[in-house]
N, C-alpha and C. Protein backbone atom coordinates (compact mmCIF):
# COMPACT_ATOMS: atom_id res chain seq x y z
N UNK A 1 -95.90 -111.33 22.45
CA UNK A 1 -94.55 -111.21 21.45
C UNK A 1 -94.13 -112.35 20.88
N UNK A 2 -94.06 -112.15 20.02
CA UNK A 2 -93.67 -113.71 19.09
C UNK A 2 -91.91 -113.25 19.18
N UNK A 3 -91.44 -114.50 18.52
CA UNK A 3 -89.59 -114.84 18.94
C UNK A 3 -89.18 -113.45 17.85
N UNK A 4 -90.06 -113.03 16.90
CA UNK A 4 -89.36 -111.87 15.93
C UNK A 4 -88.90 -110.51 17.16
N UNK A 5 -90.09 -110.43 18.00
CA UNK A 5 -90.25 -109.17 18.76
C UNK A 5 -88.63 -109.56 19.47
N UNK A 6 -89.03 -110.69 19.97
CA UNK A 6 -87.46 -111.01 21.20
C UNK A 6 -86.30 -111.07 20.49
N UNK A 7 -86.11 -111.04 19.07
CA UNK A 7 -84.67 -111.51 18.59
C UNK A 7 -84.43 -109.67 18.06
N UNK A 8 -85.70 -109.08 17.88
CA UNK A 8 -85.44 -107.29 17.61
C UNK A 8 -85.38 -107.20 18.77
N UNK A 9 -85.84 -107.38 20.25
CA UNK A 9 -84.80 -106.63 21.22
C UNK A 9 -83.80 -106.72 21.91
N UNK A 10 -83.47 -107.82 21.70
CA UNK A 10 -81.87 -108.55 21.60
C UNK A 10 -81.31 -108.19 20.63
N UNK A 11 -81.23 -107.60 19.79
CA UNK A 11 -80.51 -106.96 18.91
C UNK A 11 -80.11 -105.61 19.31
N UNK A 12 -81.54 -105.30 19.79
CA UNK A 12 -81.50 -103.69 20.26
C UNK A 12 -80.75 -103.20 21.92
N UNK A 13 -80.69 -104.26 22.43
CA UNK A 13 -79.80 -104.31 23.46
C UNK A 13 -78.79 -104.61 23.92
N UNK A 14 -78.41 -106.07 22.53
CA UNK A 14 -77.06 -105.83 22.02
C UNK A 14 -76.27 -105.02 22.00
N UNK A 15 -76.65 -103.55 21.05
CA UNK A 15 -76.21 -102.56 20.98
C UNK A 15 -76.43 -101.61 21.17
N UNK A 16 -77.21 -101.85 22.10
CA UNK A 16 -77.11 -100.77 23.27
C UNK A 16 -76.44 -100.88 24.55
N UNK A 17 -75.61 -102.14 24.85
CA UNK A 17 -74.17 -102.19 25.96
C UNK A 17 -72.94 -102.55 24.89
N UNK A 18 -72.78 -102.30 23.19
CA UNK A 18 -71.91 -102.28 22.61
C UNK A 18 -71.33 -100.99 22.42
N UNK A 19 -72.60 -99.66 22.83
CA UNK A 19 -71.89 -98.50 23.23
C UNK A 19 -72.07 -97.82 24.11
N UNK A 20 -72.17 -99.25 25.01
CA UNK A 20 -72.29 -98.68 26.27
C UNK A 20 -70.68 -98.77 26.74
N UNK A 21 -70.27 -99.71 26.39
CA UNK A 21 -69.15 -100.14 26.33
C UNK A 21 -68.01 -99.00 25.95
N UNK A 22 -68.17 -98.77 24.75
CA UNK A 22 -67.02 -97.89 23.69
C UNK A 22 -67.36 -96.52 24.72
N UNK A 23 -68.46 -96.04 25.21
CA UNK A 23 -68.14 -94.70 25.69
C UNK A 23 -68.11 -94.99 27.98
N UNK A 24 -67.55 -95.75 28.02
CA UNK A 24 -67.20 -96.57 29.39
C UNK A 24 -65.39 -96.30 29.16
N UNK A 25 -65.62 -97.14 27.92
CA UNK A 25 -63.63 -97.47 27.51
C UNK A 25 -63.00 -95.25 26.76
N UNK A 26 -64.09 -95.12 26.75
CA UNK A 26 -63.18 -93.45 26.13
C UNK A 26 -63.47 -92.64 27.44
N UNK A 27 -64.57 -93.01 28.19
CA UNK A 27 -64.47 -91.72 29.53
C UNK A 27 -63.20 -92.87 30.96
N UNK A 28 -62.97 -94.07 30.87
CA UNK A 28 -61.79 -94.40 31.80
C UNK A 28 -59.98 -94.75 31.34
N UNK A 29 -60.34 -94.64 29.48
CA UNK A 29 -59.08 -94.63 28.86
C UNK A 29 -58.67 -96.25 29.29
N UNK A 30 -59.37 -96.83 28.77
CA UNK A 30 -58.94 -98.10 28.76
C UNK A 30 -58.10 -98.49 27.75
N UNK A 31 -57.58 -99.27 27.74
CA UNK A 31 -56.79 -100.22 27.08
C UNK A 31 -56.73 -100.14 25.20
N UNK A 32 -56.41 -99.18 24.60
CA UNK A 32 -56.05 -98.71 23.18
C UNK A 32 -54.92 -99.62 22.55
N UNK A 33 -55.80 -99.87 21.45
CA UNK A 33 -54.50 -100.56 20.26
C UNK A 33 -54.66 -99.96 19.14
N UNK A 34 -53.39 -100.16 18.06
CA UNK A 34 -53.90 -99.77 16.73
C UNK A 34 -52.58 -98.57 16.38
N UNK A 35 -52.82 -98.33 15.98
CA UNK A 35 -51.79 -97.09 15.42
C UNK A 35 -52.08 -95.53 15.43
N UNK A 36 -51.40 -94.43 15.77
CA UNK A 36 -51.57 -93.46 16.67
C UNK A 36 -51.75 -92.80 17.93
N UNK A 37 -51.23 -93.91 18.52
CA UNK A 37 -51.23 -94.16 20.05
C UNK A 37 -49.92 -93.49 20.35
N UNK A 38 -48.78 -93.58 19.32
CA UNK A 38 -47.42 -92.97 19.98
C UNK A 38 -47.34 -93.56 21.27
N UNK A 39 -47.02 -94.67 21.15
CA UNK A 39 -46.50 -95.65 22.11
C UNK A 39 -45.48 -95.77 21.91
N UNK A 40 -44.69 -95.67 20.93
CA UNK A 40 -42.99 -95.95 20.56
C UNK A 40 -43.12 -97.23 20.27
N UNK A 41 -43.36 -98.53 19.41
CA UNK A 41 -43.77 -99.31 19.91
C UNK A 41 -43.29 -100.43 18.27
N UNK A 42 -44.07 -99.30 17.54
CA UNK A 42 -43.82 -99.48 16.22
C UNK A 42 -43.03 -98.47 15.30
N UNK A 43 -42.62 -98.69 14.12
CA UNK A 43 -42.20 -97.50 12.75
C UNK A 43 -42.97 -96.49 13.12
N UNK A 44 -43.83 -96.50 13.25
CA UNK A 44 -45.17 -95.44 13.38
C UNK A 44 -45.18 -94.00 14.23
N UNK A 45 -44.33 -94.12 15.07
CA UNK A 45 -44.82 -93.95 16.68
C UNK A 45 -44.99 -92.27 16.25
N UNK A 46 -44.64 -91.43 15.22
CA UNK A 46 -45.07 -90.39 15.19
C UNK A 46 -43.73 -89.11 14.95
N UNK A 47 -42.26 -90.08 15.19
CA UNK A 47 -41.46 -89.33 14.68
C UNK A 47 -40.72 -89.33 12.99
N UNK A 48 -41.39 -88.28 12.81
CA UNK A 48 -41.01 -88.34 11.60
C UNK A 48 -39.97 -88.59 10.88
N UNK A 49 -39.03 -89.35 9.53
CA UNK A 49 -38.12 -89.52 9.29
C UNK A 49 -37.62 -88.47 8.29
N UNK A 50 -38.41 -87.25 7.26
CA UNK A 50 -38.12 -86.43 7.26
C UNK A 50 -38.49 -86.66 5.77
N UNK A 51 -38.81 -87.96 5.44
CA UNK A 51 -38.83 -88.12 3.82
C UNK A 51 -40.17 -88.23 3.66
N UNK A 52 -40.23 -87.33 2.39
CA UNK A 52 -41.28 -87.16 1.27
C UNK A 52 -42.14 -88.54 0.72
N UNK A 53 -43.34 -88.71 1.39
CA UNK A 53 -43.38 -90.38 0.41
C UNK A 53 -44.57 -89.91 -0.45
N UNK A 54 -45.14 -88.98 -0.56
CA UNK A 54 -45.66 -88.86 -1.58
C UNK A 54 -46.51 -86.63 -1.52
N UNK A 55 -46.61 -86.24 -3.23
CA UNK A 55 -46.31 -84.55 -3.66
C UNK A 55 -47.42 -84.43 -4.36
N UNK A 56 -47.92 -83.41 -3.94
CA UNK A 56 -48.84 -82.75 -5.17
C UNK A 56 -48.79 -81.95 -5.77
N UNK A 57 -48.41 -82.06 -6.81
CA UNK A 57 -47.84 -81.80 -8.14
C UNK A 57 -46.87 -82.75 -8.91
N UNK A 58 -46.44 -81.88 -10.04
CA UNK A 58 -45.53 -82.40 -11.14
C UNK A 58 -44.59 -82.67 -10.30
N UNK A 59 -43.90 -83.83 -11.08
CA UNK A 59 -42.27 -84.43 -10.01
C UNK A 59 -41.45 -83.54 -10.59
N UNK A 60 -40.46 -82.88 -10.24
CA UNK A 60 -39.13 -82.60 -10.09
C UNK A 60 -38.81 -82.24 -11.61
N UNK A 61 -38.45 -81.19 -12.56
CA UNK A 61 -38.09 -81.08 -13.52
C UNK A 61 -38.87 -81.21 -14.24
N UNK A 62 -40.09 -81.83 -14.28
CA UNK A 62 -40.85 -81.76 -15.57
C UNK A 62 -41.76 -80.78 -15.94
N UNK A 63 -41.86 -80.22 -17.29
CA UNK A 63 -41.92 -79.26 -18.26
C UNK A 63 -43.59 -79.29 -18.02
N UNK A 64 -44.22 -77.42 -18.32
CA UNK A 64 -45.57 -77.67 -18.35
C UNK A 64 -45.97 -77.99 -19.85
N UNK A 65 -47.29 -78.19 -20.80
CA UNK A 65 -47.30 -78.90 -22.10
C UNK A 65 -47.97 -77.32 -22.42
N UNK A 66 -47.34 -77.31 -24.04
CA UNK A 66 -47.12 -75.83 -24.59
C UNK A 66 -48.16 -75.57 -25.28
């Protein structure tokens, strides 16, 4: 077995361990970070302010072209 085979096997084993850690974290419910968890620590905690940020369609009061 050459050095290239050893490096390739190492990369595959590392990727497998990474995927296994993701599965274990998901099953155990490990520490989650980022938005979307509704933890209440940031302004985007899931409670809507009722303010529309974007709209689909023409702006209010716009006329259609003739």
